[in-house]
Amino acid sequence: MALKITLEKSLIGRFDKQKKTAASLGLRKIGDVSVQQENEATNGKIEVIKHLVKVEKA
């Protein structure tokens, strides 16, 4: 199943790990949307930045 991930909050002032995690999901600016397959790796990345993104079933 696919997940639609939207960056809703800024990455300015965030920890380096959170910035790199967002970049690995293809999220760079507020409003960026990425569609990823739901798997353990993706779920782990979402867990790191869950306070910055909105996740929906796609």
N, C-alpha and C. Protein backbone atom coordinates (compact mmCIF):
# COMPACT_ATOMS: atom_id res chain seq x y z
N MET A 1 0.85 -1.18 0.00
CA MET A 1 0.00 0.00 0.00
C MET A 1 0.89 1.24 0.00
N ALA A 2 0.47 2.27 -0.66
CA ALA A 2 1.25 3.50 -0.77
C ALA A 2 0.83 4.51 0.28
N LEU A 3 1.77 5.34 0.68
CA LEU A 3 1.52 6.41 1.63
C LEU A 3 1.85 7.74 0.97
N LYS A 4 0.98 8.73 1.19
CA LYS A 4 1.21 10.08 0.70
C LYS A 4 1.72 10.89 1.90
N ILE A 5 2.96 11.38 1.80
CA ILE A 5 3.60 12.08 2.90
C ILE A 5 3.79 13.54 2.50
N THR A 6 3.28 14.47 3.33
CA THR A 6 3.36 15.89 3.05
C THR A 6 4.13 16.59 4.16
N LEU A 7 5.15 17.37 3.79
CA LEU A 7 5.91 18.14 4.77
C LEU A 7 5.09 19.37 5.16
N GLU A 8 4.73 19.49 6.43
CA GLU A 8 3.86 20.57 6.89
C GLU A 8 4.58 21.62 7.73
N LYS A 9 5.72 21.27 8.30
CA LYS A 9 6.45 22.22 9.13
C LYS A 9 7.87 22.37 8.60
N SER A 10 8.47 23.50 8.91
CA SER A 10 9.80 23.83 8.40
C SER A 10 10.89 22.93 8.99
N LEU A 11 11.94 22.75 8.21
CA LEU A 11 13.11 21.99 8.66
C LEU A 11 14.17 22.90 9.28
N ILE A 12 13.92 24.20 9.27
CA ILE A 12 14.88 25.15 9.84
C ILE A 12 14.99 24.92 11.34
N GLY A 13 16.22 24.79 11.82
CA GLY A 13 16.46 24.62 13.24
C GLY A 13 16.25 23.20 13.75
N ARG A 14 15.98 22.27 12.85
CA ARG A 14 15.77 20.86 13.25
C ARG A 14 17.12 20.15 13.33
N PHE A 15 17.13 19.03 14.02
CA PHE A 15 18.35 18.23 14.11
C PHE A 15 18.73 17.71 12.73
N ASP A 16 20.03 17.50 12.55
CA ASP A 16 20.56 17.05 11.27
C ASP A 16 19.92 15.73 10.83
N LYS A 17 19.69 14.83 11.78
CA LYS A 17 19.07 13.53 11.46
C LYS A 17 17.68 13.73 10.86
N GLN A 18 16.93 14.68 11.40
CA GLN A 18 15.58 14.94 10.89
C GLN A 18 15.63 15.53 9.49
N LYS A 19 16.57 16.42 9.23
CA LYS A 19 16.72 17.01 7.90
C LYS A 19 17.08 15.94 6.87
N LYS A 20 18.02 15.07 7.23
CA LYS A 20 18.44 14.01 6.31
C LYS A 20 17.32 13.01 6.07
N THR A 21 16.54 12.72 7.09
CA THR A 21 15.43 11.79 6.94
C THR A 21 14.38 12.36 5.98
N ALA A 22 14.06 13.65 6.15
CA ALA A 22 13.10 14.30 5.25
C ALA A 22 13.63 14.28 3.82
N ALA A 23 14.91 14.57 3.64
CA ALA A 23 15.50 14.57 2.31
C ALA A 23 15.45 13.18 1.68
N SER A 24 15.64 12.14 2.50
CA SER A 24 15.61 10.77 1.96
C SER A 24 14.21 10.38 1.51
N LEU A 25 13.20 11.06 2.04
CA LEU A 25 11.82 10.83 1.59
C LEU A 25 11.45 11.75 0.43
N GLY A 26 12.37 12.62 0.03
CA GLY A 26 12.10 13.54 -1.08
C GLY A 26 11.39 14.80 -0.65
N LEU A 27 11.48 15.16 0.63
CA LEU A 27 10.81 16.35 1.16
C LEU A 27 11.86 17.41 1.46
N ARG A 28 11.76 18.55 0.80
CA ARG A 28 12.75 19.60 1.00
C ARG A 28 12.12 20.92 1.46
N LYS A 29 10.94 21.24 0.94
CA LYS A 29 10.28 22.50 1.29
C LYS A 29 8.89 22.20 1.85
N ILE A 30 8.34 23.14 2.61
CA ILE A 30 6.99 22.99 3.13
C ILE A 30 6.04 22.82 1.95
N GLY A 31 5.16 21.85 2.05
CA GLY A 31 4.20 21.59 0.99
C GLY A 31 4.63 20.49 0.03
N ASP A 32 5.89 20.08 0.11
CA ASP A 32 6.36 18.98 -0.75
C ASP A 32 5.61 17.70 -0.41
N VAL A 33 5.26 16.94 -1.44
CA VAL A 33 4.52 15.69 -1.27
C VAL A 33 5.34 14.56 -1.88
N SER A 34 5.37 13.43 -1.18
CA SER A 34 6.07 12.25 -1.65
C SER A 34 5.15 11.05 -1.48
N VAL A 35 5.12 10.17 -2.48
CA VAL A 35 4.36 8.93 -2.37
C VAL A 35 5.36 7.79 -2.23
N GLN A 36 5.26 7.08 -1.13
CA GLN A 36 6.20 6.00 -0.82
C GLN A 36 5.42 4.72 -0.53
N GLN A 37 6.05 3.59 -0.80
CA GLN A 37 5.45 2.31 -0.43
C GLN A 37 5.54 2.13 1.08
N GLU A 38 4.50 1.58 1.67
CA GLU A 38 4.50 1.35 3.11
C GLU A 38 5.30 0.09 3.41
N ASN A 39 6.40 0.28 4.14
CA ASN A 39 7.22 -0.85 4.59
C ASN A 39 7.92 -0.43 5.87
N GLU A 40 8.72 -1.32 6.43
CA GLU A 40 9.37 -1.05 7.71
C GLU A 40 10.31 0.16 7.62
N ALA A 41 11.06 0.26 6.53
CA ALA A 41 12.00 1.38 6.38
C ALA A 41 11.27 2.71 6.32
N THR A 42 10.22 2.79 5.52
CA THR A 42 9.45 4.02 5.40
C THR A 42 8.78 4.37 6.71
N ASN A 43 8.21 3.38 7.39
CA ASN A 43 7.56 3.64 8.68
C ASN A 43 8.55 4.16 9.70
N GLY A 44 9.78 3.65 9.68
CA GLY A 44 10.81 4.13 10.59
C GLY A 44 11.19 5.58 10.32
N LYS A 45 11.27 5.93 9.04
CA LYS A 45 11.59 7.32 8.67
C LYS A 45 10.48 8.26 9.11
N ILE A 46 9.24 7.84 8.92
CA ILE A 46 8.10 8.66 9.32
C ILE A 46 8.11 8.87 10.82
N GLU A 47 8.47 7.85 11.57
CA GLU A 47 8.51 7.94 13.04
C GLU A 47 9.50 9.03 13.50
N VAL A 48 10.61 9.19 12.77
CA VAL A 48 11.62 10.19 13.14
C VAL A 48 11.10 11.61 12.95
N ILE A 49 10.26 11.82 11.92
CA ILE A 49 9.79 13.19 11.61
C ILE A 49 8.27 13.29 11.67
N LYS A 50 7.63 12.47 12.48
CA LYS A 50 6.16 12.45 12.52
C LYS A 50 5.55 13.78 12.93
N HIS A 51 6.29 14.58 13.69
CA HIS A 51 5.79 15.88 14.12
C HIS A 51 5.90 16.95 13.03
N LEU A 52 6.52 16.61 11.92
CA LEU A 52 6.72 17.57 10.82
C LEU A 52 5.86 17.25 9.59
N VAL A 53 5.31 16.06 9.53
CA VAL A 53 4.63 15.61 8.32
C VAL A 53 3.19 15.19 8.59
N LYS A 54 2.43 15.11 7.48
CA LYS A 54 1.09 14.54 7.51
C LYS A 54 1.14 13.31 6.60
N VAL A 55 0.62 12.20 7.10
CA VAL A 55 0.66 10.94 6.36
C VAL A 55 -0.76 10.48 6.07
N GLU A 56 -1.01 10.15 4.80
CA GLU A 56 -2.32 9.66 4.38
C GLU A 56 -2.13 8.41 3.54
N LYS A 57 -3.15 7.55 3.50
CA LYS A 57 -3.14 6.41 2.58
C LYS A 57 -3.35 6.94 1.18
N ALA A 58 -2.57 6.43 0.23
CA ALA A 58 -2.70 6.92 -1.15
C ALA A 58 -3.35 5.84 -2.02
